[in-house]
Amino acid sequence: MAEPKGLRQVRLKLPASPQDIAALQLGSVVYLDGVVYTAREGVYERVLVRGEPLPEGLCEISNANFHCSPAAALEPDGSYAIGGVTATASFRFSKYMAEWLDRTGTKIVIGKAGMPREDYQKVLSPRGAVYLTTVGYGTGALLGRGVKRVREVHWLEELGIAQAMWMFEVENFGPFIVDSDLAGNSLFAQQGDLVNERIARLYDGLKPPALHRYGETDDRKREVM
């Protein structure tokens, strides 16, 4: 596959080594080979809150947690066909991440929309982990082509397709963009800062907003997204 002009392309074998993780640079394009597992709030609650054990061997075969909802169909032979894997907004799972990374040794978190700024610096970076983001919207079918087969699925009946833990054997799985590095830097955070520096200019000359609801503010430092 031709390397996109101006972008560094990396192909990682999973589980990724500490050296592989350390070499990732912000903005690089990453493709993955090996086993990627899905886990989101349903799995986190079962393991971290209810104390259920992790699937046997998970930590040995994968250190990449994909926040996603797969489009899965059961085949007559009992296998699953994956038509697409749609990324989920990762900031929703912030409260679980520190304990989950400690419990599983996960080093790559994949999703969309990034994590809170503090998580890059206080959760991911100290644990030698990075965040990869999907590229654009409507990429579920594109990513699905990199899923070669479902190795295992856990808690499917209890949690349903979207929340179950899926273990995907993947090849040339991507593209993903490196959003964060081991120093705690983040592309999402950097670009957000650039936008915020200039956004006030859009309101120059306009009348102040009419604020009537409880909690409304025009102070962007106190804004809740």
C-alpha atoms as a PDB file:
ATOM      1  CA  MET A   1       0.000   0.000   0.000  1.00  0.00           C
ATOM      2  CA  ALA A   2       1.381   3.393  -0.985  1.00  0.00           C
ATOM      3  CA  GLU A   3       2.278   5.685   1.865  1.00  0.00           C
ATOM      4  CA  PRO A   4       0.092   8.822   2.013  1.00  0.00           C
ATOM      5  CA  LYS A   5       2.082  11.857   0.911  1.00  0.00           C
ATOM      6  CA  GLY A   6       3.520  13.748   3.854  1.00  0.00           C
ATOM      7  CA  LEU A   7       2.442  11.156   6.421  1.00  0.00           C
ATOM      8  CA  ARG A   8       4.564   8.548   8.147  1.00  0.00           C
ATOM      9  CA  GLN A   9       3.063   5.064   7.899  1.00  0.00           C
ATOM     10  CA  VAL A  10       3.652   2.352  10.487  1.00  0.00           C
ATOM     11  CA  ARG A  11       2.546  -1.273  10.561  1.00  0.00           C
ATOM     12  CA  LEU A  12       2.486  -2.795  14.042  1.00  0.00           C
ATOM     13  CA  LYS A  13       2.354  -6.435  15.075  1.00  0.00           C
ATOM     14  CA  LEU A  14       0.252  -7.064  18.168  1.00  0.00           C
ATOM     15  CA  PRO A  15       0.811  -7.313  21.009  1.00  0.00           C
ATOM     16  CA  ALA A  16       2.926  -4.212  20.422  1.00  0.00           C
ATOM     17  CA  SER A  17       6.286  -4.004  22.201  1.00  0.00           C
ATOM     18  CA  PRO A  18       7.294  -1.060  24.394  1.00  0.00           C
ATOM     19  CA  GLN A  19       9.790  -0.106  21.679  1.00  0.00           C
ATOM     20  CA  ASP A  20       7.040  -0.060  19.057  1.00  0.00           C
ATOM     21  CA  ILE A  21       4.866   2.156  21.243  1.00  0.00           C
ATOM     22  CA  ALA A  22       7.705   4.548  22.058  1.00  0.00           C
ATOM     23  CA  ALA A  23       8.502   5.000  18.370  1.00  0.00           C
ATOM     24  CA  LEU A  24       5.007   6.204  17.446  1.00  0.00           C
ATOM     25  CA  GLN A  25       4.854   9.850  16.442  1.00  0.00           C
ATOM     26  CA  LEU A  26       1.869  12.175  16.538  1.00  0.00           C
ATOM     27  CA  GLY A  27       0.039  12.179  13.235  1.00  0.00           C
ATOM     28  CA  SER A  28       1.528   8.946  11.926  1.00  0.00           C
ATOM     29  CA  VAL A  29      -0.776   6.513  10.140  1.00  0.00           C
ATOM     30  CA  VAL A  30      -0.921   3.076  11.770  1.00  0.00           C
ATOM     31  CA  TYR A  31      -2.069  -0.336  10.537  1.00  0.00           C
ATOM     32  CA  LEU A  32      -2.302  -3.323  12.884  1.00  0.00           C
ATOM     33  CA  ASP A  33      -1.701  -7.069  12.553  1.00  0.00           C
ATOM     34  CA  GLY A  34      -2.608  -9.584  15.243  1.00  0.00           C
ATOM     35  CA  VAL A  35      -5.463  -9.594  17.772  1.00  0.00           C
ATOM     36  CA  VAL A  36      -7.508  -6.533  18.726  1.00  0.00           C
ATOM     37  CA  TYR A  37     -10.174  -6.830  21.414  1.00  0.00           C
ATOM     38  CA  THR A  38     -13.248  -4.686  22.010  1.00  0.00           C
ATOM     39  CA  ALA A  39     -14.263  -3.491  25.462  1.00  0.00           C
ATOM     40  CA  ARG A  40     -16.499  -0.648  26.539  1.00  0.00           C
ATOM     41  CA  GLU A  41     -18.689   0.130  29.558  1.00  0.00           C
ATOM     42  CA  GLY A  42     -20.485  -3.222  29.645  1.00  0.00           C
ATOM     43  CA  VAL A  43     -17.213  -5.134  29.871  1.00  0.00           C
ATOM     44  CA  TYR A  44     -15.590  -2.600  32.198  1.00  0.00           C
ATOM     45  CA  GLU A  45     -18.510  -2.845  34.613  1.00  0.00           C
ATOM     46  CA  ARG A  46     -18.435  -6.647  34.658  1.00  0.00           C
ATOM     47  CA  VAL A  47     -14.703  -6.879  35.282  1.00  0.00           C
ATOM     48  CA  LEU A  48     -13.857  -3.776  37.291  1.00  0.00           C
ATOM     49  CA  VAL A  49     -17.070  -3.301  39.272  1.00  0.00           C
ATOM     50  CA  ARG A  50     -18.561  -6.783  39.537  1.00  0.00           C
ATOM     51  CA  GLY A  51     -15.201  -8.515  39.808  1.00  0.00           C
ATOM     52  CA  GLU A  52     -15.622 -11.064  37.021  1.00  0.00           C
ATOM     53  CA  PRO A  53     -12.341 -12.514  35.701  1.00  0.00           C
ATOM     54  CA  LEU A  54     -10.848 -11.502  32.393  1.00  0.00           C
ATOM     55  CA  PRO A  55     -11.069 -14.016  29.557  1.00  0.00           C
ATOM     56  CA  GLU A  56      -8.200 -16.452  29.884  1.00  0.00           C
ATOM     57  CA  GLY A  57      -5.155 -15.487  27.856  1.00  0.00           C
ATOM     58  CA  LEU A  58      -6.407 -12.023  26.874  1.00  0.00           C
ATOM     59  CA  CYS A  59      -3.379 -10.163  28.226  1.00  0.00           C
ATOM     60  CA  GLU A  60      -0.971 -12.501  26.460  1.00  0.00           C
ATOM     61  CA  ILE A  61      -2.469 -12.232  22.978  1.00  0.00           C
ATOM     62  CA  SER A  62      -3.469  -8.570  22.780  1.00  0.00           C
ATOM     63  CA  ASN A  63      -2.687  -5.184  24.276  1.00  0.00           C
ATOM     64  CA  ALA A  64      -4.985  -3.171  21.976  1.00  0.00           C
ATOM     65  CA  ASN A  65      -8.474  -2.179  23.178  1.00  0.00           C
ATOM     66  CA  PHE A  66     -10.812  -0.933  20.441  1.00  0.00           C
ATOM     67  CA  HIS A  67     -13.822   1.121  21.556  1.00  0.00           C
ATOM     68  CA  CYS A  68     -16.267  -0.005  18.905  1.00  0.00           C
ATOM     69  CA  SER A  69     -19.578  -1.597  18.020  1.00  0.00           C
ATOM     70  CA  PRO A  70     -19.238  -4.372  15.421  1.00  0.00           C
ATOM     71  CA  ALA A  71     -21.809  -5.339  12.819  1.00  0.00           C
ATOM     72  CA  ALA A  72     -21.719  -9.097  13.369  1.00  0.00           C
ATOM     73  CA  ALA A  73     -23.796 -11.855  11.798  1.00  0.00           C
ATOM     74  CA  LEU A  74     -23.810 -15.494  12.851  1.00  0.00           C
ATOM     75  CA  GLU A  75     -22.971 -17.867   9.987  1.00  0.00           C
ATOM     76  CA  PRO A  76     -24.470 -21.389   9.574  1.00  0.00           C
ATOM     77  CA  ASP A  77     -21.158 -22.959  10.621  1.00  0.00           C
ATOM     78  CA  GLY A  78     -21.157 -21.067  13.919  1.00  0.00           C
ATOM     79  CA  SER A  79     -18.565 -18.455  12.899  1.00  0.00           C
ATOM     80  CA  TYR A  80     -19.261 -14.739  12.692  1.00  0.00           C
ATOM     81  CA  ALA A  81     -19.096 -12.469   9.675  1.00  0.00           C
ATOM     82  CA  ILE A  82     -18.033  -8.926  10.517  1.00  0.00           C
ATOM     83  CA  GLY A  83     -19.467  -6.408   8.100  1.00  0.00           C
ATOM     84  CA  GLY A  84     -18.071  -3.371   9.842  1.00  0.00           C
ATOM     85  CA  VAL A  85     -16.617  -2.056  13.096  1.00  0.00           C
ATOM     86  CA  THR A  86     -17.852   1.392  14.068  1.00  0.00           C
ATOM     87  CA  ALA A  87     -15.701   3.341  16.509  1.00  0.00           C
ATOM     88  CA  THR A  88     -17.232   4.709  19.709  1.00  0.00           C
ATOM     89  CA  ALA A  89     -16.373   8.014  21.423  1.00  0.00           C
ATOM     90  CA  SER A  90     -13.672   7.119  23.940  1.00  0.00           C
ATOM     91  CA  PHE A  91     -14.119  10.005  26.382  1.00  0.00           C
ATOM     92  CA  ARG A  92     -17.243   8.215  27.609  1.00  0.00           C
ATOM     93  CA  PHE A  93     -15.035   5.602  29.251  1.00  0.00           C
ATOM     94  CA  SER A  94     -12.567   7.909  30.966  1.00  0.00           C
ATOM     95  CA  LYS A  95     -13.464   6.835  34.493  1.00  0.00           C
ATOM     96  CA  TYR A  96     -12.543   3.214  33.761  1.00  0.00           C
ATOM     97  CA  MET A  97      -9.308   3.622  31.860  1.00  0.00           C
ATOM     98  CA  ALA A  98      -6.657   3.837  34.596  1.00  0.00           C
ATOM     99  CA  GLU A  99      -7.848   0.675  36.343  1.00  0.00           C
ATOM    100  CA  TRP A 100      -8.440  -1.117  33.043  1.00  0.00           C
ATOM    101  CA  LEU A 101      -4.939  -0.414  31.777  1.00  0.00           C
ATOM    102  CA  ASP A 102      -3.466  -1.571  35.090  1.00  0.00           C
ATOM    103  CA  ARG A 103      -5.543  -4.746  35.024  1.00  0.00           C
ATOM    104  CA  THR A 104      -4.905  -5.735  31.406  1.00  0.00           C
ATOM    105  CA  GLY A 105      -1.572  -4.194  30.458  1.00  0.00           C
ATOM    106  CA  THR A 106      -3.251  -2.555  27.462  1.00  0.00           C
ATOM    107  CA  LYS A 107      -0.895  -0.199  25.615  1.00  0.00           C
ATOM    108  CA  ILE A 108      -3.023   0.896  22.655  1.00  0.00           C
ATOM    109  CA  VAL A 109      -6.487   2.405  23.033  1.00  0.00           C
ATOM    110  CA  ILE A 110      -8.409   2.931  19.797  1.00  0.00           C
ATOM    111  CA  GLY A 111     -11.586   4.923  19.297  1.00  0.00           C
ATOM    112  CA  LYS A 112     -12.852   8.253  18.057  1.00  0.00           C
ATOM    113  CA  ALA A 113     -13.036  11.810  19.416  1.00  0.00           C
ATOM    114  CA  GLY A 114     -10.096  11.389  21.793  1.00  0.00           C
ATOM    115  CA  MET A 115      -9.837  11.384  25.572  1.00  0.00           C
ATOM    116  CA  PRO A 116      -9.936  14.211  28.119  1.00  0.00           C
ATOM    117  CA  ARG A 117      -6.630  16.125  28.146  1.00  0.00           C
ATOM    118  CA  GLU A 118      -5.822  14.962  31.671  1.00  0.00           C
ATOM    119  CA  ASP A 119      -6.123  11.326  30.636  1.00  0.00           C
ATOM    120  CA  TYR A 120      -3.270  11.607  28.142  1.00  0.00           C
ATOM    121  CA  GLN A 121      -0.976  13.003  30.816  1.00  0.00           C
ATOM    122  CA  LYS A 122      -2.145  11.195  33.945  1.00  0.00           C
ATOM    123  CA  VAL A 123      -3.563   7.885  32.686  1.00  0.00           C
ATOM    124  CA  LEU A 124      -2.104   6.858  29.324  1.00  0.00           C
ATOM    125  CA  SER A 125       1.398   8.316  29.406  1.00  0.00           C
ATOM    126  CA  PRO A 126       2.442   7.024  32.872  1.00  0.00           C
ATOM    127  CA  ARG A 127       1.368   3.527  31.816  1.00  0.00           C
ATOM    128  CA  GLY A 128       3.235   3.531  28.523  1.00  0.00           C
ATOM    129  CA  ALA A 129       0.010   3.659  26.513  1.00  0.00           C
ATOM    130  CA  VAL A 130      -1.100   5.707  23.505  1.00  0.00           C
ATOM    131  CA  TYR A 131      -4.354   6.598  21.796  1.00  0.00           C
ATOM    132  CA  LEU A 132      -5.140   5.925  18.137  1.00  0.00           C
ATOM    133  CA  THR A 133      -8.111   7.550  16.454  1.00  0.00           C
ATOM    134  CA  THR A 134     -10.143   6.457  13.465  1.00  0.00           C
ATOM    135  CA  VAL A 135      -9.951   8.622  10.363  1.00  0.00           C
ATOM    136  CA  GLY A 136     -13.167  10.490   9.551  1.00  0.00           C
ATOM    137  CA  TYR A 137     -16.713   9.161   9.690  1.00  0.00           C
ATOM    138  CA  GLY A 138     -18.394   6.246   7.970  1.00  0.00           C
ATOM    139  CA  THR A 139     -15.259   4.118   8.125  1.00  0.00           C
ATOM    140  CA  GLY A 140     -16.812   1.070   9.798  1.00  0.00           C
ATOM    141  CA  ALA A 141     -17.006  -0.951   6.583  1.00  0.00           C
ATOM    142  CA  LEU A 142     -13.473   0.053   5.591  1.00  0.00           C
ATOM    143  CA  LEU A 143     -12.083  -1.121   8.916  1.00  0.00           C
ATOM    144  CA  GLY A 144     -14.194  -4.260   8.769  1.00  0.00           C
ATOM    145  CA  ARG A 145     -12.198  -5.435   5.775  1.00  0.00           C
ATOM    146  CA  GLY A 146      -9.169  -5.782   8.049  1.00  0.00           C
ATOM    147  CA  VAL A 147     -10.960  -8.254  10.350  1.00  0.00           C
ATOM    148  CA  LYS A 148     -10.021 -11.733   9.169  1.00  0.00           C
ATOM    149  CA  ARG A 149     -12.024 -13.693  11.712  1.00  0.00           C
ATOM    150  CA  VAL A 150     -13.538 -13.628  15.188  1.00  0.00           C
ATOM    151  CA  ARG A 151     -11.208 -15.533  17.468  1.00  0.00           C
ATOM    152  CA  GLU A 152     -13.523 -15.437  20.498  1.00  0.00           C
ATOM    153  CA  VAL A 153     -16.524 -13.516  21.809  1.00  0.00           C
ATOM    154  CA  HIS A 154     -17.383 -13.144  25.493  1.00  0.00           C
ATOM    155  CA  TRP A 155     -20.587 -12.092  27.311  1.00  0.00           C
ATOM    156  CA  LEU A 156     -22.512 -11.908  24.044  1.00  0.00           C
ATOM    157  CA  GLU A 157     -25.805 -13.165  25.485  1.00  0.00           C
ATOM    158  CA  GLU A 158     -25.544 -10.984  28.575  1.00  0.00           C
ATOM    159  CA  LEU A 159     -24.392  -7.767  26.924  1.00  0.00           C
ATOM    160  CA  GLY A 160     -25.456  -7.961  23.291  1.00  0.00           C
ATOM    161  CA  ILE A 161     -23.424  -7.394  20.147  1.00  0.00           C
ATOM    162  CA  ALA A 162     -22.370  -3.797  20.820  1.00  0.00           C
ATOM    163  CA  GLN A 163     -21.187  -4.333  24.410  1.00  0.00           C
ATOM    164  CA  ALA A 164     -19.732  -7.845  24.284  1.00  0.00           C
ATOM    165  CA  MET A 165     -15.993  -8.412  24.186  1.00  0.00           C
ATOM    166  CA  TRP A 166     -14.918  -9.449  20.695  1.00  0.00           C
ATOM    167  CA  MET A 167     -11.430 -10.683  19.896  1.00  0.00           C
ATOM    168  CA  PHE A 168     -10.651  -9.987  16.258  1.00  0.00           C
ATOM    169  CA  GLU A 169      -7.771 -11.432  14.300  1.00  0.00           C
ATOM    170  CA  VAL A 170      -6.815  -8.536  12.042  1.00  0.00           C
ATOM    171  CA  GLU A 171      -4.472  -7.902   9.145  1.00  0.00           C
ATOM    172  CA  ASN A 172      -3.519  -4.486   7.780  1.00  0.00           C
ATOM    173  CA  PHE A 173      -6.215  -3.134  10.099  1.00  0.00           C
ATOM    174  CA  GLY A 174      -6.641   0.599   9.746  1.00  0.00           C
ATOM    175  CA  PRO A 175      -5.901   3.329   8.955  1.00  0.00           C
ATOM    176  CA  PHE A 176      -5.629   4.892  12.388  1.00  0.00           C
ATOM    177  CA  ILE A 177      -3.896   8.144  13.326  1.00  0.00           C
ATOM    178  CA  VAL A 178      -1.592   8.427  16.331  1.00  0.00           C
ATOM    179  CA  ASP A 179      -3.367  10.980  18.531  1.00  0.00           C
ATOM    180  CA  SER A 180      -1.156  10.716  21.617  1.00  0.00           C
ATOM    181  CA  ASP A 181       2.432   9.828  22.456  1.00  0.00           C
ATOM    182  CA  LEU A 182       4.263   8.666  25.562  1.00  0.00           C
ATOM    183  CA  ALA A 183       5.004  12.248  26.571  1.00  0.00           C
ATOM    184  CA  GLY A 184       1.281  12.870  27.004  1.00  0.00           C
ATOM    185  CA  ASN A 185       0.946  15.078  23.928  1.00  0.00           C
ATOM    186  CA  SER A 186      -2.301  14.878  21.945  1.00  0.00           C
ATOM    187  CA  LEU A 187      -3.296  16.065  18.486  1.00  0.00           C
ATOM    188  CA  PHE A 188      -6.879  16.556  19.634  1.00  0.00           C
ATOM    189  CA  ALA A 189      -5.743  18.718  22.543  1.00  0.00           C
ATOM    190  CA  GLN A 190      -3.300  20.712  20.407  1.00  0.00           C
ATOM    191  CA  GLN A 191      -5.850  21.422  17.688  1.00  0.00           C
ATOM    192  CA  GLY A 192      -8.460  22.302  20.292  1.00  0.00           C
ATOM    193  CA  ASP A 193      -6.106  24.899  21.716  1.00  0.00           C
ATOM    194  CA  LEU A 194      -5.596  26.423  18.269  1.00  0.00           C
ATOM    195  CA  VAL A 195      -9.332  26.640  17.677  1.00  0.00           C
ATOM    196  CA  ASN A 196      -9.978  28.168  21.090  1.00  0.00           C
ATOM    197  CA  GLU A 197      -7.328  30.831  20.531  1.00  0.00           C
ATOM    198  CA  ARG A 198      -9.248  32.170  17.551  1.00  0.00           C
ATOM    199  CA  ILE A 199     -12.874  31.309  18.183  1.00  0.00           C
ATOM    200  CA  ALA A 200     -13.598  34.501  20.129  1.00  0.00           C
ATOM    201  CA  ARG A 201     -12.942  36.497  16.953  1.00  0.00           C
ATOM    202  CA  LEU A 202     -16.034  34.957  15.385  1.00  0.00           C
ATOM    203  CA  TYR A 203     -18.164  36.780  17.959  1.00  0.00           C
ATOM    204  CA  ASP A 204     -16.526  40.196  17.619  1.00  0.00           C
ATOM    205  CA  GLY A 205     -19.185  42.875  17.094  1.00  0.00           C
ATOM    206  CA  LEU A 206     -22.110  40.663  18.042  1.00  0.00           C
ATOM    207  CA  LYS A 207     -24.459  41.350  20.921  1.00  0.00           C
ATOM    208  CA  PRO A 208     -23.873  39.323  24.097  1.00  0.00           C
ATOM    209  CA  PRO A 209     -25.924  36.090  24.165  1.00  0.00           C
ATOM    210  CA  ALA A 210     -29.168  35.991  26.110  1.00  0.00           C
ATOM    211  CA  LEU A 211     -28.591  33.470  28.904  1.00  0.00           C
ATOM    212  CA  HIS A 212     -31.678  32.371  30.787  1.00  0.00           C
ATOM    213  CA  ARG A 213     -31.219  28.716  31.674  1.00  0.00           C
ATOM    214  CA  TYR A 214     -29.521  27.661  34.882  1.00  0.00           C
ATOM    215  CA  GLY A 215     -25.839  26.955  34.394  1.00  0.00           C
ATOM    216  CA  GLU A 216     -25.410  28.716  31.034  1.00  0.00           C
ATOM    217  CA  THR A 217     -22.186  30.643  30.571  1.00  0.00           C
ATOM    218  CA  ASP A 218     -20.257  32.422  27.844  1.00  0.00           C
ATOM    219  CA  ASP A 219     -16.978  31.726  29.618  1.00  0.00           C
ATOM    220  CA  ARG A 220     -15.399  29.030  27.423  1.00  0.00           C
ATOM    221  CA  LYS A 221     -13.063  27.955  30.208  1.00  0.00           C
ATOM    222  CA  ARG A 222     -16.132  26.831  32.153  1.00  0.00           C
ATOM    223  CA  GLU A 223     -18.021  25.423  29.205  1.00  0.00           C
ATOM    224  CA  VAL A 224     -19.238  21.844  29.502  1.00  0.00           C
ATOM    225  CA  MET A 225     -19.180  19.797  26.288  1.00  0.00           C
END
